Amino acid sequence: MSESARATSADGARRPPSKPSSEKRGFFGRIALFVRQVVAELKKVVRPTRQELFTYIGVVVVFVLVVMAFVGVLDLAFGRLVLWAFG
């Protein structure tokens, strides 16, 4: 029987080859692999320039101020509505 015939199941679908047992990693091997992958991803990080950083800070501060004003207006409106209804 050929290798390709053995790799097919009874319904004719191909099965992926099984992994050899030597590739299985233990607990500490998986942790080491994870740490290596994290370090590799962190090396890809591009840090913003000083100008970009100040721009981002400005955008965040303005956004937070706008949201604070919106929530403040809603709080004032609902407070007055409650005082009018139950006051």
Protein backbone atom coordinates (compact mmCIF):
# COMPACT_ATOMS: atom_id res chain seq x y z
CA MET A 1 0.00 0.00 0.00
CA SER A 2 1.40 3.40 -0.91
CA GLU A 3 2.00 6.26 1.56
CA SER A 4 -0.74 8.41 -0.02
CA ALA A 5 -3.26 5.58 0.27
CA ARG A 6 -2.50 5.17 3.98
CA ALA A 7 -2.94 8.93 4.60
CA THR A 8 -6.55 8.89 3.41
CA SER A 9 -9.44 7.90 5.62
CA ALA A 10 -12.28 5.54 4.73
CA ASP A 11 -14.34 8.37 3.19
CA GLY A 12 -11.43 9.46 0.97
CA ALA A 13 -10.57 12.67 2.86
CA ARG A 14 -6.91 13.36 3.44
CA ARG A 15 -5.67 13.39 7.02
CA PRO A 16 -2.84 15.68 8.13
CA PRO A 17 0.28 13.76 9.06
CA SER A 18 0.60 13.17 12.79
CA LYS A 19 3.31 15.04 14.67
CA PRO A 20 6.23 13.03 15.94
CA SER A 21 6.32 12.66 19.71
CA SER A 22 9.72 14.42 19.84
CA GLU A 23 8.01 17.75 18.94
CA LYS A 24 5.83 17.80 22.05
CA ARG A 25 6.99 20.39 24.51
CA GLY A 26 6.85 20.17 28.24
CA PHE A 27 5.51 22.84 30.56
CA PHE A 28 8.77 24.80 30.77
CA GLY A 29 9.39 24.39 27.04
CA ARG A 30 6.04 26.03 26.30
CA ILE A 31 6.83 28.88 28.71
CA ALA A 32 10.23 29.41 27.04
CA LEU A 33 8.57 29.42 23.61
CA PHE A 34 6.03 31.98 24.82
CA VAL A 35 8.75 34.26 26.22
CA ARG A 36 10.74 34.02 22.97
CA GLN A 37 7.64 34.93 20.96
CA VAL A 38 6.88 37.89 23.25
CA VAL A 39 10.42 39.21 22.91
CA ALA A 40 10.24 38.80 19.11
CA GLU A 41 6.97 40.78 19.00
CA LEU A 42 8.33 43.51 21.26
CA LYS A 43 11.26 43.96 18.88
CA LYS A 44 8.74 44.88 16.17
CA VAL A 45 7.27 47.74 18.22
CA VAL A 46 7.87 51.19 16.75
CA ARG A 47 8.09 53.90 19.40
CA PRO A 48 6.51 57.27 18.60
CA THR A 49 8.68 60.33 18.18
CA ARG A 50 8.53 63.12 20.75
CA GLN A 51 6.29 65.20 18.47
CA GLU A 52 3.90 62.29 17.88
CA LEU A 53 3.78 61.57 21.61
CA PHE A 54 2.75 65.14 22.43
CA THR A 55 0.16 65.04 19.64
CA TYR A 56 -1.33 61.83 21.03
CA ILE A 57 -1.40 63.27 24.56
CA GLY A 58 -3.19 66.36 23.27
CA VAL A 59 -5.78 64.29 21.44
CA VAL A 60 -6.47 62.20 24.55
CA VAL A 61 -6.77 65.24 26.82
CA VAL A 62 -9.16 67.01 24.43
CA PHE A 63 -11.27 63.87 24.06
CA VAL A 64 -11.48 63.37 27.83
CA LEU A 65 -12.50 67.03 28.32
CA VAL A 66 -15.24 66.72 25.67
CA VAL A 67 -16.60 63.53 27.26
CA MET A 68 -16.47 65.13 30.72
CA ALA A 69 -18.43 68.14 29.46
CA PHE A 70 -21.02 65.88 27.80
CA VAL A 71 -21.48 63.77 30.93
CA GLY A 72 -21.64 66.93 33.06
CA VAL A 73 -24.41 68.39 30.91
CA LEU A 74 -26.35 65.11 31.05
CA ASP A 75 -25.92 64.97 34.83
CA LEU A 76 -27.16 68.54 35.21
CA ALA A 77 -30.14 67.89 32.92
CA PHE A 78 -31.17 64.66 34.66
CA GLY A 79 -30.67 66.25 38.07
CA ARG A 80 -32.98 69.12 37.21
CA LEU A 81 -35.50 66.72 35.69
CA VAL A 82 -35.55 64.64 38.88
CA LEU A 83 -35.90 67.76 41.04
CA TRP A 84 -38.77 68.98 38.85
CA ALA A 85 -40.52 65.59 38.96
CA PHE A 86 -40.04 64.77 42.64
CA GLY A 87 -38.96 68.10 44.06
